[in-house]
C-alpha atoms as a PDB file:
ATOM      1  CA  UNK A   1    -173.964  22.855 -51.738  1.00  0.00           C
ATOM      2  CA  UNK A   2    -172.295  23.416 -55.093  1.00  0.00           C
ATOM      3  CA  UNK A   3    -170.766  20.387 -56.761  1.00  0.00           C
ATOM      4  CA  UNK A   4    -169.513  19.257 -60.112  1.00  0.00           C
ATOM      5  CA  UNK A   5    -169.792  15.474 -59.668  1.00  0.00           C
ATOM      6  CA  UNK A   6    -172.653  13.087 -58.929  1.00  0.00           C
ATOM      7  CA  UNK A   7    -171.329  12.199 -55.486  1.00  0.00           C
ATOM      8  CA  UNK A   8    -171.403  15.912 -54.574  1.00  0.00           C
ATOM      9  CA  UNK A   9    -175.108  15.977 -55.449  1.00  0.00           C
ATOM     10  CA  UNK A  10    -175.741  12.839 -53.375  1.00  0.00           C
ATOM     11  CA  UNK A  11    -173.883  14.298 -50.396  1.00  0.00           C
ATOM     12  CA  UNK A  12    -175.789  17.557 -50.516  1.00  0.00           C
ATOM     13  CA  UNK A  13    -179.153  15.836 -50.769  1.00  0.00           C
ATOM     14  CA  UNK A  14    -178.231  13.455 -47.957  1.00  0.00           C
ATOM     15  CA  UNK A  15    -177.551  16.463 -45.744  1.00  0.00           C
ATOM     16  CA  UNK A  16    -180.725  18.290 -46.817  1.00  0.00           C
ATOM     17  CA  UNK A  17    -178.851  21.129 -48.516  1.00  0.00           C
ATOM     18  CA  UNK A  18    -179.821  23.291 -51.434  1.00  0.00           C
ATOM     19  CA  UNK A  19    -177.988  21.406 -54.186  1.00  0.00           C
ATOM     20  CA  UNK A  20    -176.506  23.173 -57.183  1.00  0.00           C
ATOM     21  CA  UNK A  21    -174.781  21.349 -60.005  1.00  0.00           C
ATOM     22  CA  UNK A  22    -171.822  23.202 -61.498  1.00  0.00           C
ATOM     23  CA  UNK A  23    -171.787  22.244 -65.160  1.00  0.00           C
ATOM     24  CA  UNK A  24    -168.560  24.182 -65.686  1.00  0.00           C
ATOM     25  CA  UNK A  25    -166.653  21.565 -63.661  1.00  0.00           C
ATOM     26  CA  UNK A  26    -165.679  17.949 -64.270  1.00  0.00           C
ATOM     27  CA  UNK A  27    -169.118  16.337 -64.634  1.00  0.00           C
ATOM     28  CA  UNK A  28    -169.874  14.126 -67.593  1.00  0.00           C
ATOM     29  CA  UNK A  29    -172.976  14.946 -69.696  1.00  0.00           C
ATOM     30  CA  UNK A  30    -176.106  14.108 -67.703  1.00  0.00           C
ATOM     31  CA  UNK A  31    -174.233  13.512 -64.444  1.00  0.00           C
ATOM     32  CA  UNK A  32    -175.817  16.518 -62.718  1.00  0.00           C
ATOM     33  CA  UNK A  33    -179.376  15.981 -63.937  1.00  0.00           C
ATOM     34  CA  UNK A  34    -180.529  15.099 -60.402  1.00  0.00           C
ATOM     35  CA  UNK A  35    -179.319  18.395 -58.922  1.00  0.00           C
ATOM     36  CA  UNK A  36    -182.072  20.737 -57.785  1.00  0.00           C
ATOM     37  CA  UNK A  37    -180.454  23.531 -59.770  1.00  0.00           C
ATOM     38  CA  UNK A  38    -177.720  23.739 -62.390  1.00  0.00           C
ATOM     39  CA  UNK A  39    -175.457  26.655 -63.198  1.00  0.00           C
ATOM     40  CA  UNK A  40    -173.094  27.174 -66.116  1.00  0.00           C
ATOM     41  CA  UNK A  41    -170.927  29.768 -64.348  1.00  0.00           C
ATOM     42  CA  UNK A  42    -170.342  30.683 -60.726  1.00  0.00           C
ATOM     43  CA  UNK A  43    -171.882  34.147 -61.029  1.00  0.00           C
ATOM     44  CA  UNK A  44    -175.289  32.452 -61.462  1.00  0.00           C
ATOM     45  CA  UNK A  45    -175.190  31.336 -57.825  1.00  0.00           C
ATOM     46  CA  UNK A  46    -176.129  34.856 -56.714  1.00  0.00           C
ATOM     47  CA  UNK A  47    -179.576  34.506 -58.251  1.00  0.00           C
ATOM     48  CA  UNK A  48    -180.222  31.369 -56.189  1.00  0.00           C
ATOM     49  CA  UNK A  49    -178.847  32.768 -52.938  1.00  0.00           C
ATOM     50  CA  UNK A  50    -181.004  35.907 -52.939  1.00  0.00           C
ATOM     51  CA  UNK A  51    -184.277  34.048 -53.567  1.00  0.00           C
ATOM     52  CA  UNK A  52    -186.656  33.339 -50.725  1.00  0.00           C
ATOM     53  CA  UNK A  53    -186.339  29.752 -49.366  1.00  0.00           C
ATOM     54  CA  UNK A  54    -189.893  28.838 -50.472  1.00  0.00           C
ATOM     55  CA  UNK A  55    -189.149  29.972 -54.018  1.00  0.00           C
ATOM     56  CA  UNK A  56    -185.918  27.932 -54.148  1.00  0.00           C
ATOM     57  CA  UNK A  57    -187.724  24.827 -52.968  1.00  0.00           C
ATOM     58  CA  UNK A  58    -190.215  24.948 -55.820  1.00  0.00           C
ATOM     59  CA  UNK A  59    -187.629  25.048 -58.604  1.00  0.00           C
END
C-alpha cells in the first residue's frame, strides 16, 4: 500500500500489506517514519515491486 499520510500507513500495516510512504504527498515531516519503506517519487516503487518478498521484508 502506498500512502502519504499516517493513517494510510496504519491501514496498510493493519491489513498486513507492504507499506510504502510517499514523501512527495501531503505528509508532514516525520509523519511517515513508521512506514516500512519511503519513496520520494513514484518511479521508485518499481524497485520495491520487483524485489523478492523475503528481501522486501528485511528492509
